[in-house]
Amino acid sequence: MPNIYYCNGLGNNDLGILRAVLSWEECAKLLQQFSVQYAGLQFPTMTQQDQGSAVLNMLKGGPDDTWRVGFYSFDADLPQIEEWVQTCVASRNPLPGQKLAD
């Protein structure tokens, strides 16, 4: 399953903080909205200028092997990605009395 990590670039060997574990369906929706750049098989090295960035980790290439295994850097700003993550998580866990979206 794909994972999203948030990075602040301030710590030594900062590998980021796991923010979300996505289903393949959720990942497909994310990648329709945001573009990413392949960063390789190793977690990208963060710098001071990378404060507030996000990284997508594809542990497997996907159900149809469309994506290469490895790490991808988002071209979007962290607040945009966080808004999407919050919407995604909220749709998984509706408030009491609400139905899941179809």
C-alpha atoms as a PDB file:
ATOM      1  CA  MET A   1       0.000   0.000   0.000  1.00  0.00           C
ATOM      2  CA  PRO A   2       1.254   3.523  -0.745  1.00  0.00           C
ATOM      3  CA  ASN A   3       2.375   5.730   2.141  1.00  0.00           C
ATOM      4  CA  ILE A   4       2.611   9.525   2.460  1.00  0.00           C
ATOM      5  CA  TYR A   5       5.405  10.989   4.579  1.00  0.00           C
ATOM      6  CA  TYR A   6       5.718  14.602   5.700  1.00  0.00           C
ATOM      7  CA  CYS A   7       9.235  16.009   5.929  1.00  0.00           C
ATOM      8  CA  ASN A   8      10.518  19.148   7.598  1.00  0.00           C
ATOM      9  CA  GLY A   9      14.185  19.035   6.535  1.00  0.00           C
ATOM     10  CA  LEU A  10      15.385  20.128   9.971  1.00  0.00           C
ATOM     11  CA  GLY A  11      16.539  16.898  11.621  1.00  0.00           C
ATOM     12  CA  ASN A  12      19.636  14.870  10.933  1.00  0.00           C
ATOM     13  CA  ASN A  13      18.854  12.135   8.426  1.00  0.00           C
ATOM     14  CA  ASP A  14      15.220  13.227   8.539  1.00  0.00           C
ATOM     15  CA  LEU A  15      13.221  10.424   6.954  1.00  0.00           C
ATOM     16  CA  GLY A  16       9.907  12.117   7.477  1.00  0.00           C
ATOM     17  CA  ILE A  17       6.858  11.242   9.524  1.00  0.00           C
ATOM     18  CA  LEU A  18       4.314   8.750   8.272  1.00  0.00           C
ATOM     19  CA  ARG A  19       1.126  10.741   7.633  1.00  0.00           C
ATOM     20  CA  ALA A  20      -1.158   8.306   5.818  1.00  0.00           C
ATOM     21  CA  VAL A  21      -1.412   4.790   4.477  1.00  0.00           C
ATOM     22  CA  LEU A  22      -3.524   4.783   1.330  1.00  0.00           C
ATOM     23  CA  SER A  23      -5.455   2.151  -0.536  1.00  0.00           C
ATOM     24  CA  TRP A  24      -4.599   1.824  -4.220  1.00  0.00           C
ATOM     25  CA  GLU A  25      -7.921   3.486  -5.063  1.00  0.00           C
ATOM     26  CA  GLU A  26      -7.120   6.450  -2.813  1.00  0.00           C
ATOM     27  CA  CYS A  27      -3.641   6.691  -4.313  1.00  0.00           C
ATOM     28  CA  ALA A  28      -5.084   6.753  -7.841  1.00  0.00           C
ATOM     29  CA  LYS A  29      -7.372   9.650  -6.830  1.00  0.00           C
ATOM     30  CA  LEU A  30      -4.424  11.470  -5.218  1.00  0.00           C
ATOM     31  CA  LEU A  31      -2.318  11.115  -8.360  1.00  0.00           C
ATOM     32  CA  GLN A  32      -5.153  12.460 -10.506  1.00  0.00           C
ATOM     33  CA  GLN A  33      -5.043  15.640  -8.456  1.00  0.00           C
ATOM     34  CA  PHE A  34      -1.293  16.080  -7.768  1.00  0.00           C
ATOM     35  CA  SER A  35       1.751  15.434  -9.915  1.00  0.00           C
ATOM     36  CA  VAL A  36       4.807  13.657  -8.541  1.00  0.00           C
ATOM     37  CA  GLN A  37       8.404  13.157  -9.627  1.00  0.00           C
ATOM     38  CA  TYR A  38      10.209   9.848  -9.176  1.00  0.00           C
ATOM     39  CA  ALA A  39      12.986  10.279  -6.573  1.00  0.00           C
ATOM     40  CA  GLY A  40      14.457   6.770  -6.563  1.00  0.00           C
ATOM     41  CA  LEU A  41      14.571   3.721  -4.326  1.00  0.00           C
ATOM     42  CA  GLN A  42      16.019   5.582  -1.319  1.00  0.00           C
ATOM     43  CA  PHE A  43      14.111   8.123   0.756  1.00  0.00           C
ATOM     44  CA  PRO A  44      14.991  11.551  -0.723  1.00  0.00           C
ATOM     45  CA  THR A  45      17.525  13.644   1.168  1.00  0.00           C
ATOM     46  CA  MET A  46      15.827  16.669   2.685  1.00  0.00           C
ATOM     47  CA  THR A  47      17.475  20.081   2.937  1.00  0.00           C
ATOM     48  CA  GLN A  48      16.613  23.260   4.847  1.00  0.00           C
ATOM     49  CA  GLN A  49      14.786  24.457   1.706  1.00  0.00           C
ATOM     50  CA  ASP A  50      12.545  21.353   1.770  1.00  0.00           C
ATOM     51  CA  GLN A  51      10.660  22.436   4.863  1.00  0.00           C
ATOM     52  CA  GLY A  52       7.082  21.338   4.538  1.00  0.00           C
ATOM     53  CA  SER A  53       7.391  18.788   1.754  1.00  0.00           C
ATOM     54  CA  ALA A  54       5.691  15.438   1.226  1.00  0.00           C
ATOM     55  CA  VAL A  55       6.920  12.145  -0.169  1.00  0.00           C
ATOM     56  CA  LEU A  56       4.905   9.239  -1.558  1.00  0.00           C
ATOM     57  CA  ASN A  57       6.317   5.738  -1.119  1.00  0.00           C
ATOM     58  CA  MET A  58       5.171   3.045  -3.527  1.00  0.00           C
ATOM     59  CA  LEU A  59       6.058  -0.226  -1.836  1.00  0.00           C
ATOM     60  CA  LYS A  60       4.823  -2.126  -4.857  1.00  0.00           C
ATOM     61  CA  GLY A  61       4.091  -0.787  -8.309  1.00  0.00           C
ATOM     62  CA  GLY A  62       0.339  -0.949  -7.842  1.00  0.00           C
ATOM     63  CA  PRO A  63      -2.302  -3.460  -8.796  1.00  0.00           C
ATOM     64  CA  ASP A  64      -1.379  -3.126 -12.473  1.00  0.00           C
ATOM     65  CA  ASP A  65       2.342  -2.296 -11.950  1.00  0.00           C
ATOM     66  CA  THR A  66       1.892   1.128 -13.568  1.00  0.00           C
ATOM     67  CA  TRP A  67       4.186   2.847 -11.043  1.00  0.00           C
ATOM     68  CA  ARG A  68       7.800   2.047 -10.261  1.00  0.00           C
ATOM     69  CA  VAL A  69       8.617   0.921  -6.745  1.00  0.00           C
ATOM     70  CA  GLY A  70      10.262   3.711  -4.784  1.00  0.00           C
ATOM     71  CA  PHE A  71       9.779   7.251  -3.579  1.00  0.00           C
ATOM     72  CA  TYR A  72       8.074  10.169  -5.309  1.00  0.00           C
ATOM     73  CA  SER A  73       8.248  13.870  -4.452  1.00  0.00           C
ATOM     74  CA  PHE A  74       5.072  15.916  -4.752  1.00  0.00           C
ATOM     75  CA  ASP A  75       5.014  19.055  -6.868  1.00  0.00           C
ATOM     76  CA  ALA A  76       2.254  20.500  -4.628  1.00  0.00           C
ATOM     77  CA  ASP A  77       2.598  22.415  -1.373  1.00  0.00           C
ATOM     78  CA  LEU A  78       2.146  20.545   1.889  1.00  0.00           C
ATOM     79  CA  PRO A  79      -1.064  22.400   2.896  1.00  0.00           C
ATOM     80  CA  GLN A  80      -2.736  21.270  -0.358  1.00  0.00           C
ATOM     81  CA  ILE A  81      -1.739  17.663   0.266  1.00  0.00           C
ATOM     82  CA  GLU A  82      -2.829  17.841   3.918  1.00  0.00           C
ATOM     83  CA  GLU A  83      -6.252  19.145   2.864  1.00  0.00           C
ATOM     84  CA  TRP A  84      -6.622  16.162   0.514  1.00  0.00           C
ATOM     85  CA  VAL A  85      -5.475  13.715   3.239  1.00  0.00           C
ATOM     86  CA  GLN A  86      -7.960  15.127   5.745  1.00  0.00           C
ATOM     87  CA  THR A  87     -10.787  14.804   3.215  1.00  0.00           C
ATOM     88  CA  CYS A  88      -9.728  11.254   2.411  1.00  0.00           C
ATOM     89  CA  VAL A  89      -9.545  10.223   6.074  1.00  0.00           C
ATOM     90  CA  ALA A  90     -12.883  11.889   6.840  1.00  0.00           C
ATOM     91  CA  SER A  91     -14.533   9.869   4.060  1.00  0.00           C
ATOM     92  CA  ARG A  92     -13.217   6.669   5.699  1.00  0.00           C
ATOM     93  CA  ASN A  93     -14.596   7.618   9.113  1.00  0.00           C
ATOM     94  CA  PRO A  94     -17.957   9.361   8.762  1.00  0.00           C
ATOM     95  CA  LEU A  95     -19.503  11.111  11.724  1.00  0.00           C
ATOM     96  CA  PRO A  96     -22.085   9.070  13.680  1.00  0.00           C
ATOM     97  CA  GLY A  97     -25.340   8.935  11.764  1.00  0.00           C
ATOM     98  CA  GLN A  98     -23.694   9.640   8.380  1.00  0.00           C
ATOM     99  CA  LYS A  99     -23.368   7.093   5.582  1.00  0.00           C
ATOM    100  CA  LEU A 100     -20.174   6.361   3.708  1.00  0.00           C
ATOM    101  CA  ALA A 101     -19.964   8.074   0.326  1.00  0.00           C
ATOM    102  CA  ASP A 102     -20.679   5.867  -2.671  1.00  0.00           C
END
